[in-house]
Structure formats: structure tokens, C-alpha cells
């Protein structure tokens, strides 16, 4: 089994903290900025219960309604 570097662990902790803070504050803009890739890098998202989103904008619109 591989081990995570200290830097990887810090990045994971930071991502989880940003997720919790942005969703607790219902801040879809910060959620998308801090927890997702840039629009040009977005390759789609498939979530069984929530359906699929092909573009970053679709994901953003979804999150504005659900965060």
C-alpha cells in the first residue's frame, strides 16, 4: 500500500475544510472555485442520484440550487 506525502495530506484536509465551509455557508461561487477544477478543465460529472452534468456551467447551476 502506498503512502500519502505530507503535502498531499494537507491538500486533502484543505479540500475537505473548503467543502465544509462553502456548503455550510451556502456559497456556491466559493464551492465551485475552491472544490472544483476550472471550467476549461471540467470533463463532466456523473452522479447516479443527481444525474450527469456535461459542462462546468451545468454543475454550477446545479450547485447554486443545492448548496
N, C-alpha and C. Protein backbone atom coordinates (compact mmCIF):
# COMPACT_ATOMS: atom_id res chain seq x y z
N UNK A 1 0.85 -1.18 0.00
CA UNK A 1 0.00 0.00 0.00
C UNK A 1 0.89 1.24 0.00
N UNK A 2 0.54 2.22 -0.82
CA UNK A 2 1.30 3.45 -0.89
C UNK A 2 0.95 4.40 0.24
N UNK A 3 1.82 5.35 0.41
CA UNK A 3 1.62 6.34 1.45
C UNK A 3 1.45 7.71 0.83
N UNK A 4 0.66 8.54 1.47
CA UNK A 4 0.47 9.91 1.02
C UNK A 4 1.57 10.78 1.60
N UNK A 5 2.03 11.71 0.79
CA UNK A 5 3.03 12.66 1.29
C UNK A 5 2.35 13.64 2.23
N UNK A 6 3.14 14.32 3.02
CA UNK A 6 2.61 15.34 3.92
C UNK A 6 1.86 16.40 3.14
N UNK A 7 2.39 16.79 1.99
CA UNK A 7 1.74 17.82 1.16
C UNK A 7 0.39 17.33 0.63
N UNK A 8 0.32 16.07 0.22
CA UNK A 8 -0.95 15.50 -0.25
C UNK A 8 -1.99 15.50 0.87
N UNK A 9 -1.55 15.12 2.07
CA UNK A 9 -2.47 15.12 3.21
C UNK A 9 -2.97 16.52 3.50
N UNK A 10 -2.09 17.51 3.45
CA UNK A 10 -2.50 18.89 3.66
C UNK A 10 -3.52 19.34 2.61
N UNK A 11 -3.29 18.98 1.35
CA UNK A 11 -4.21 19.37 0.29
C UNK A 11 -5.57 18.72 0.47
N UNK A 12 -5.60 17.47 0.89
CA UNK A 12 -6.86 16.77 1.14
C UNK A 12 -7.61 17.43 2.30
N UNK A 13 -6.90 17.72 3.38
CA UNK A 13 -7.52 18.39 4.52
C UNK A 13 -8.08 19.75 4.12
N UNK A 14 -7.33 20.47 3.31
CA UNK A 14 -7.77 21.78 2.84
C UNK A 14 -9.02 21.67 1.97
N UNK A 15 -9.05 20.69 1.09
CA UNK A 15 -10.21 20.47 0.23
C UNK A 15 -11.46 20.15 1.07
N UNK A 16 -11.31 19.26 2.03
CA UNK A 16 -12.44 18.89 2.89
C UNK A 16 -12.91 20.10 3.70
N UNK A 17 -11.97 20.86 4.24
CA UNK A 17 -12.33 22.06 5.01
C UNK A 17 -13.07 23.06 4.12
N UNK A 18 -12.56 23.29 2.90
CA UNK A 18 -13.23 24.22 1.99
C UNK A 18 -14.62 23.73 1.61
N UNK A 19 -14.75 22.43 1.40
CA UNK A 19 -16.07 21.86 1.09
C UNK A 19 -17.03 22.15 2.25
N UNK A 20 -16.62 21.85 3.47
CA UNK A 20 -17.50 22.05 4.63
C UNK A 20 -17.87 23.51 4.81
N UNK A 21 -16.89 24.39 4.70
CA UNK A 21 -17.14 25.82 4.91
C UNK A 21 -18.06 26.38 3.83
N UNK A 22 -17.78 26.06 2.58
CA UNK A 22 -18.58 26.64 1.49
C UNK A 22 -20.01 26.09 1.49
N UNK A 23 -20.17 24.81 1.80
CA UNK A 23 -21.54 24.28 1.84
C UNK A 23 -22.28 24.76 3.07
N UNK A 24 -21.61 24.86 4.21
CA UNK A 24 -22.25 25.40 5.41
C UNK A 24 -22.72 26.84 5.19
N UNK A 25 -21.93 27.59 4.42
CA UNK A 25 -22.28 28.99 4.14
C UNK A 25 -23.17 29.14 2.92
N UNK A 26 -23.54 28.04 2.29
CA UNK A 26 -24.36 28.05 1.07
C UNK A 26 -23.77 28.99 0.02
N UNK A 27 -22.46 28.89 -0.16
CA UNK A 27 -21.73 29.77 -1.08
C UNK A 27 -21.32 28.96 -2.32
N UNK A 28 -22.21 28.92 -3.29
CA UNK A 28 -21.96 28.13 -4.50
C UNK A 28 -20.76 28.65 -5.28
N UNK A 29 -20.57 29.97 -5.29
CA UNK A 29 -19.42 30.53 -6.01
C UNK A 29 -18.11 30.04 -5.41
N UNK A 30 -17.97 30.14 -4.10
CA UNK A 30 -16.75 29.67 -3.44
C UNK A 30 -16.62 28.15 -3.55
N UNK A 31 -17.75 27.44 -3.46
CA UNK A 31 -17.72 25.98 -3.61
C UNK A 31 -17.13 25.59 -4.96
N UNK A 32 -17.59 26.21 -6.01
CA UNK A 32 -17.10 25.87 -7.34
C UNK A 32 -15.65 26.31 -7.51
N UNK A 33 -15.28 27.45 -6.95
CA UNK A 33 -13.91 27.96 -7.08
C UNK A 33 -12.92 27.12 -6.26
N UNK A 34 -13.31 26.72 -5.06
CA UNK A 34 -12.39 26.05 -4.14
C UNK A 34 -12.39 24.52 -4.26
N UNK A 35 -13.49 23.95 -4.74
CA UNK A 35 -13.63 22.48 -4.70
C UNK A 35 -13.70 21.82 -6.07
N UNK A 36 -13.72 22.58 -7.13
CA UNK A 36 -13.79 22.01 -8.47
C UNK A 36 -12.70 22.58 -9.34
N UNK A 37 -12.47 21.96 -10.48
CA UNK A 37 -11.49 22.43 -11.44
C UNK A 37 -12.05 23.64 -12.19
N UNK A 38 -11.17 24.29 -12.92
CA UNK A 38 -11.57 25.42 -13.75
C UNK A 38 -12.53 24.95 -14.85
N UNK A 39 -13.38 25.85 -15.34
CA UNK A 39 -14.33 25.45 -16.40
C UNK A 39 -13.65 24.78 -17.60
N UNK A 40 -12.48 25.29 -17.98
CA UNK A 40 -11.80 24.71 -19.16
C UNK A 40 -11.28 23.30 -18.90
N UNK A 41 -11.13 22.90 -17.63
CA UNK A 41 -10.63 21.58 -17.28
C UNK A 41 -11.74 20.59 -16.95
N UNK A 42 -12.95 21.06 -16.83
CA UNK A 42 -14.08 20.23 -16.40
C UNK A 42 -14.41 19.22 -17.49
N UNK A 43 -14.43 17.95 -17.12
CA UNK A 43 -14.71 16.91 -18.11
C UNK A 43 -16.05 16.23 -17.94
N UNK A 44 -16.92 16.82 -17.11
CA UNK A 44 -18.22 16.22 -16.87
C UNK A 44 -18.28 15.59 -15.49
N UNK A 45 -19.47 15.30 -15.05
CA UNK A 45 -19.69 14.72 -13.73
C UNK A 45 -20.86 13.78 -13.80
N UNK A 46 -20.68 12.59 -13.29
CA UNK A 46 -21.74 11.59 -13.27
C UNK A 46 -22.04 11.23 -11.83
N UNK A 47 -23.26 11.52 -11.43
CA UNK A 47 -23.70 11.17 -10.08
C UNK A 47 -25.02 10.45 -10.21
N UNK A 48 -25.03 9.19 -9.92
CA UNK A 48 -26.24 8.39 -10.06
C UNK A 48 -27.51 9.10 -9.63
N UNK A 49 -27.64 9.47 -8.35
CA UNK A 49 -28.91 10.05 -7.90
C UNK A 49 -29.18 11.46 -8.44
N UNK A 50 -28.10 12.21 -8.77
CA UNK A 50 -28.29 13.59 -9.22
C UNK A 50 -28.15 13.75 -10.73
N UNK A 51 -27.91 12.65 -11.42
CA UNK A 51 -27.80 12.72 -12.87
C UNK A 51 -26.39 13.08 -13.32
N UNK A 52 -26.27 13.45 -14.57
CA UNK A 52 -24.95 13.81 -15.11
C UNK A 52 -24.95 15.25 -15.57
N UNK A 53 -23.81 15.86 -15.46
CA UNK A 53 -23.62 17.23 -15.90
C UNK A 53 -22.42 17.25 -16.83
N UNK A 54 -22.63 17.71 -18.04
CA UNK A 54 -21.58 17.66 -19.05
C UNK A 54 -20.66 18.87 -19.01
N UNK A 55 -21.15 19.99 -18.52
CA UNK A 55 -20.33 21.20 -18.52
C UNK A 55 -20.19 21.76 -17.11
N UNK A 56 -19.16 22.60 -16.93
CA UNK A 56 -18.94 23.28 -15.66
C UNK A 56 -20.16 24.14 -15.32
N UNK A 57 -20.72 24.80 -16.32
CA UNK A 57 -21.88 25.68 -16.09
C UNK A 57 -23.08 24.89 -15.58
N UNK A 58 -23.31 23.70 -16.12
CA UNK A 58 -24.40 22.85 -15.62
C UNK A 58 -24.17 22.50 -14.15
N UNK A 59 -22.93 22.19 -13.80
CA UNK A 59 -22.60 21.87 -12.41
C UNK A 59 -22.81 23.09 -11.53
N UNK A 60 -22.36 24.24 -11.98
CA UNK A 60 -22.53 25.48 -11.22
C UNK A 60 -24.01 25.79 -11.00
N UNK A 61 -24.81 25.67 -12.03
CA UNK A 61 -26.25 25.92 -11.89
C UNK A 61 -26.88 24.94 -10.91
N UNK A 62 -26.48 23.70 -10.94
CA UNK A 62 -26.96 22.70 -10.00
C UNK A 62 -26.57 23.07 -8.57
N UNK A 63 -25.32 23.43 -8.39
CA UNK A 63 -24.83 23.76 -7.05
C UNK A 63 -25.48 25.04 -6.50
N UNK A 64 -25.76 26.00 -7.35
CA UNK A 64 -26.44 27.22 -6.88
C UNK A 64 -27.78 26.88 -6.26
N UNK A 65 -28.40 25.85 -6.78
CA UNK A 65 -29.71 25.43 -6.27
C UNK A 65 -29.60 24.51 -5.06
N UNK A 66 -28.52 23.74 -4.97
CA UNK A 66 -28.42 22.70 -3.94
C UNK A 66 -27.45 22.97 -2.80
N UNK A 67 -26.52 23.88 -2.97
CA UNK A 67 -25.53 24.13 -1.88
C UNK A 67 -26.22 24.88 -0.76
